[in-house]
């Protein structure tokens, strides 16, 4: 009976996961950061499947890994909720809408490109996309500030200036931040080991 309930529960989670990723992907315009913002609202605020810090970590990993951000985020999210099966379900839900939409657009590409109504609509949509991306950036920055760690806050500010003002490659910035993060973890571990040694002696 317990096994049956567990299977039913997992099936419900997989179905919810598919519907959520499919819907978000189908009605998201403006790229990866937009869908990440909507994922946060869906999976953190509405469904309560993830903590806000977890979503921040997923965003960081998805951004710094090769491939589209929505697919990368879906891989982690799906695995977090239902293992390997959840990963495939989340990828399927995320990939189907753009594949269908882009396939249709590619068939009528010339008509889309030359249609003034569609061109105007796309320009207007950019305003909304810019607002959503700003919301994502603001929330990510706010979460970094909440850590109260000057190292992280300083890295965020310096990274922004490096890419916005000096035009340094985003990949280089990510790699440098990764290196600093690993070094910070190693130093923190060494401090904890020293504290444990001192506590043991005492």
Protein backbone atom coordinates (compact mmCIF):
# COMPACT_ATOMS: atom_id res chain seq x y z
CA UNK A 1 0.00 0.00 0.00
CA UNK A 2 2.86 2.35 0.91
CA UNK A 3 4.62 1.59 -2.38
CA UNK A 4 1.42 2.32 -4.28
CA UNK A 5 1.03 5.66 -2.50
CA UNK A 6 4.65 6.54 -3.18
CA UNK A 7 4.22 5.75 -6.88
CA UNK A 8 1.05 7.84 -7.03
CA UNK A 9 2.80 10.71 -5.26
CA UNK A 10 5.79 10.53 -7.62
CA UNK A 11 3.45 10.42 -10.64
CA UNK A 12 1.67 13.55 -9.40
CA UNK A 13 4.99 15.32 -8.88
CA UNK A 14 6.18 14.34 -12.37
CA UNK A 15 2.92 15.50 -13.92
CA UNK A 16 3.04 18.82 -12.02
CA UNK A 17 6.70 19.19 -13.00
CA UNK A 18 5.93 18.62 -16.67
CA UNK A 19 2.95 21.01 -16.70
CA UNK A 20 4.90 23.69 -14.84
CA UNK A 21 7.99 23.56 -17.06
CA UNK A 22 5.87 23.25 -20.23
CA UNK A 23 3.69 26.24 -19.31
CA UNK A 24 6.62 28.41 -18.25
CA UNK A 25 8.56 27.56 -21.39
CA UNK A 26 5.56 28.11 -23.68
CA UNK A 27 4.74 31.57 -22.35
CA UNK A 28 8.22 32.91 -21.66
CA UNK A 29 9.77 35.47 -24.00
CA UNK A 30 13.16 37.06 -23.57
CA UNK A 31 15.65 34.34 -22.80
CA UNK A 32 16.95 32.32 -19.89
CA UNK A 33 16.89 34.91 -17.12
CA UNK A 34 13.18 35.54 -17.70
CA UNK A 35 12.24 31.88 -17.26
CA UNK A 36 14.48 31.65 -14.18
CA UNK A 37 12.46 34.47 -12.60
CA UNK A 38 9.21 32.67 -13.39
CA UNK A 39 10.64 29.37 -12.10
CA UNK A 40 11.40 31.12 -8.82
CA UNK A 41 7.83 32.35 -8.51
CA UNK A 42 6.42 28.93 -9.46
CA UNK A 43 8.66 26.51 -7.56
CA UNK A 44 9.62 28.67 -4.57
CA UNK A 45 6.61 30.89 -3.90
CA UNK A 46 3.69 28.91 -5.35
CA UNK A 47 4.55 25.21 -5.02
CA UNK A 48 7.06 25.54 -2.18
CA UNK A 49 9.30 22.83 -3.65
CA UNK A 50 12.51 24.85 -3.24
CA UNK A 51 13.98 27.37 -0.85
CA UNK A 52 14.98 30.75 -2.27
CA UNK A 53 18.67 30.01 -1.63
CA UNK A 54 18.34 26.73 -3.58
CA UNK A 55 16.86 28.60 -6.55
CA UNK A 56 19.74 31.07 -6.37
CA UNK A 57 22.23 28.18 -6.45
CA UNK A 58 20.39 26.57 -9.39
CA UNK A 59 20.50 29.89 -11.26
CA UNK A 60 24.24 30.26 -10.65
CA UNK A 61 24.98 26.70 -11.82
CA UNK A 62 22.67 26.99 -14.85
CA UNK A 63 24.29 30.28 -15.89
CA UNK A 64 27.88 29.08 -15.49
CA UNK A 65 27.34 25.71 -17.22
CA UNK A 66 27.41 25.19 -21.00
CA UNK A 67 24.05 25.20 -22.76
CA UNK A 68 20.77 27.15 -22.49
CA UNK A 69 19.90 28.39 -19.01
CA UNK A 70 16.30 27.03 -18.98
CA UNK A 71 17.45 23.50 -19.91
CA UNK A 72 20.28 23.56 -17.37
CA UNK A 73 17.93 24.76 -14.63
CA UNK A 74 15.38 22.09 -15.61
CA UNK A 75 18.00 19.34 -15.33
CA UNK A 76 18.84 20.31 -11.75
CA UNK A 77 15.25 21.05 -10.76
CA UNK A 78 13.92 17.79 -12.22
CA UNK A 79 16.61 15.73 -10.51
CA UNK A 80 16.00 17.56 -7.22
CA UNK A 81 12.29 16.68 -7.32
CA UNK A 82 12.18 13.17 -8.84
CA UNK A 83 15.66 11.89 -9.69
CA UNK A 84 16.67 10.92 -13.24
CA UNK A 85 13.03 10.52 -14.33
CA UNK A 86 12.30 14.03 -13.11
CA UNK A 87 15.25 15.35 -15.10
CA UNK A 88 13.93 13.90 -18.37
CA UNK A 89 10.39 15.09 -17.64
CA UNK A 90 11.57 18.64 -16.86
CA UNK A 91 13.78 18.75 -19.97
CA UNK A 92 10.90 17.49 -22.12
CA UNK A 93 8.51 20.09 -20.70
CA UNK A 94 11.03 22.88 -21.22
CA UNK A 95 12.20 21.84 -24.71
CA UNK A 96 8.90 21.03 -26.48
CA UNK A 97 7.39 24.58 -26.65
CA UNK A 98 10.42 26.38 -28.16
CA UNK A 99 11.07 23.49 -30.57
CA UNK A 100 7.48 23.69 -31.89
CA UNK A 101 7.34 27.51 -31.95
CA UNK A 102 10.75 27.99 -33.59
CA UNK A 103 9.97 25.27 -36.15
CA UNK A 104 6.79 27.10 -37.15
CA UNK A 105 8.57 30.47 -37.25
CA UNK A 106 11.36 29.03 -39.41
CA UNK A 107 8.78 27.92 -41.98
CA UNK A 108 7.27 31.42 -42.15
CA UNK A 109 10.46 33.33 -41.38
CA UNK A 110 10.27 35.70 -44.36
CA UNK A 111 6.67 36.61 -43.62
CA UNK A 112 7.51 37.24 -39.94
CA UNK A 113 10.51 39.37 -40.79
CA UNK A 114 8.66 41.55 -43.30
CA UNK A 115 5.41 41.94 -41.32
CA UNK A 116 5.38 45.43 -39.71
CA UNK A 117 2.76 44.43 -37.12
CA UNK A 118 4.87 41.55 -35.80
CA UNK A 119 8.00 43.70 -35.84
CA UNK A 120 6.23 46.37 -33.75
CA UNK A 121 4.87 43.73 -31.34
CA UNK A 122 8.38 42.33 -30.83
CA UNK A 123 9.77 45.79 -30.10
CA UNK A 124 7.05 46.42 -27.51
CA UNK A 125 7.72 43.01 -25.92
CA UNK A 126 11.35 44.00 -25.37
CA UNK A 127 10.18 46.55 -22.79
CA UNK A 128 8.47 43.82 -20.76
CA UNK A 129 11.46 41.52 -21.16
CA UNK A 130 13.82 44.24 -19.91
CA UNK A 131 11.61 44.75 -16.84
CA UNK A 132 11.57 41.01 -16.03
CA UNK A 133 15.35 40.72 -16.45
CA UNK A 134 15.80 43.73 -14.14
CA UNK A 135 13.57 41.99 -11.59
CA UNK A 136 15.76 38.86 -11.77
CA UNK A 137 18.96 40.88 -11.36
CA UNK A 138 17.49 42.84 -8.44
CA UNK A 139 16.39 39.66 -6.62
CA UNK A 140 19.74 37.93 -7.17
CA UNK A 141 21.62 41.00 -5.93
CA UNK A 142 19.31 41.23 -2.90
CA UNK A 143 20.01 37.59 -2.02
CA UNK A 144 23.76 38.17 -2.28
CA UNK A 145 23.45 41.24 -0.03
CA UNK A 146 21.50 39.18 2.55
CA UNK A 147 24.55 36.95 3.07
CA UNK A 148 26.18 39.96 4.80
CA UNK A 149 29.55 38.79 3.50
CA UNK A 150 31.67 41.61 2.12
CA UNK A 151 33.58 39.15 -0.07
CA UNK A 152 30.44 38.18 -1.99
CA UNK A 153 29.08 41.73 -2.18
CA UNK A 154 32.45 43.07 -3.39
CA UNK A 155 32.71 40.29 -5.99
CA UNK A 156 29.23 41.14 -7.27
CA UNK A 157 30.04 44.85 -7.64
CA UNK A 158 33.46 44.25 -9.21
CA UNK A 159 32.04 41.64 -11.61
CA UNK A 160 29.31 44.06 -12.71
CA UNK A 161 31.82 46.85 -13.36
CA UNK A 162 34.16 44.46 -15.15
CA UNK A 163 31.54 43.36 -17.66
CA UNK A 164 29.45 46.57 -17.96
CA UNK A 165 32.22 49.17 -17.96
CA UNK A 166 35.34 47.35 -19.12
CA UNK A 167 33.71 44.74 -21.38
CA UNK A 168 35.55 41.78 -19.83
CA UNK A 169 34.27 38.37 -20.95
CA UNK A 170 31.50 36.97 -18.75
CA UNK A 171 33.09 33.51 -18.92
CA UNK A 172 36.38 34.87 -17.57
CA UNK A 173 34.52 36.59 -14.73
CA UNK A 174 32.65 33.38 -13.87
CA UNK A 175 35.89 31.37 -13.83
CA UNK A 176 37.62 33.92 -11.59
CA UNK A 177 34.62 33.96 -9.22
CA UNK A 178 34.64 30.15 -9.20
CA UNK A 179 38.32 30.15 -8.26
CA UNK A 180 37.75 32.67 -5.46
CA UNK A 181 34.77 30.63 -4.23
CA UNK A 182 36.81 27.40 -4.11
CA UNK A 183 39.63 29.21 -2.28
CA UNK A 184 37.10 30.64 0.20
CA UNK A 185 35.69 27.17 0.88
CA UNK A 186 39.18 25.71 1.43
CA UNK A 187 40.12 28.51 3.85
CA UNK A 188 36.81 28.10 5.71
CA UNK A 189 37.42 24.35 6.04
CA UNK A 190 40.92 24.95 7.38
CA UNK A 191 39.58 27.42 9.96
CA UNK A 192 36.94 24.90 11.07
CA UNK A 193 39.60 22.19 11.42
CA UNK A 194 41.79 24.51 13.52
CA UNK A 195 38.80 25.44 15.72
CA UNK A 196 37.94 21.78 16.23
CA UNK A 197 41.56 21.04 17.19
CA UNK A 198 41.57 23.90 19.69
CA UNK A 199 38.22 22.77 21.13
CA UNK A 200 39.55 19.21 21.48
CA UNK A 201 42.69 20.44 23.31
CA UNK A 202 40.58 22.57 25.62
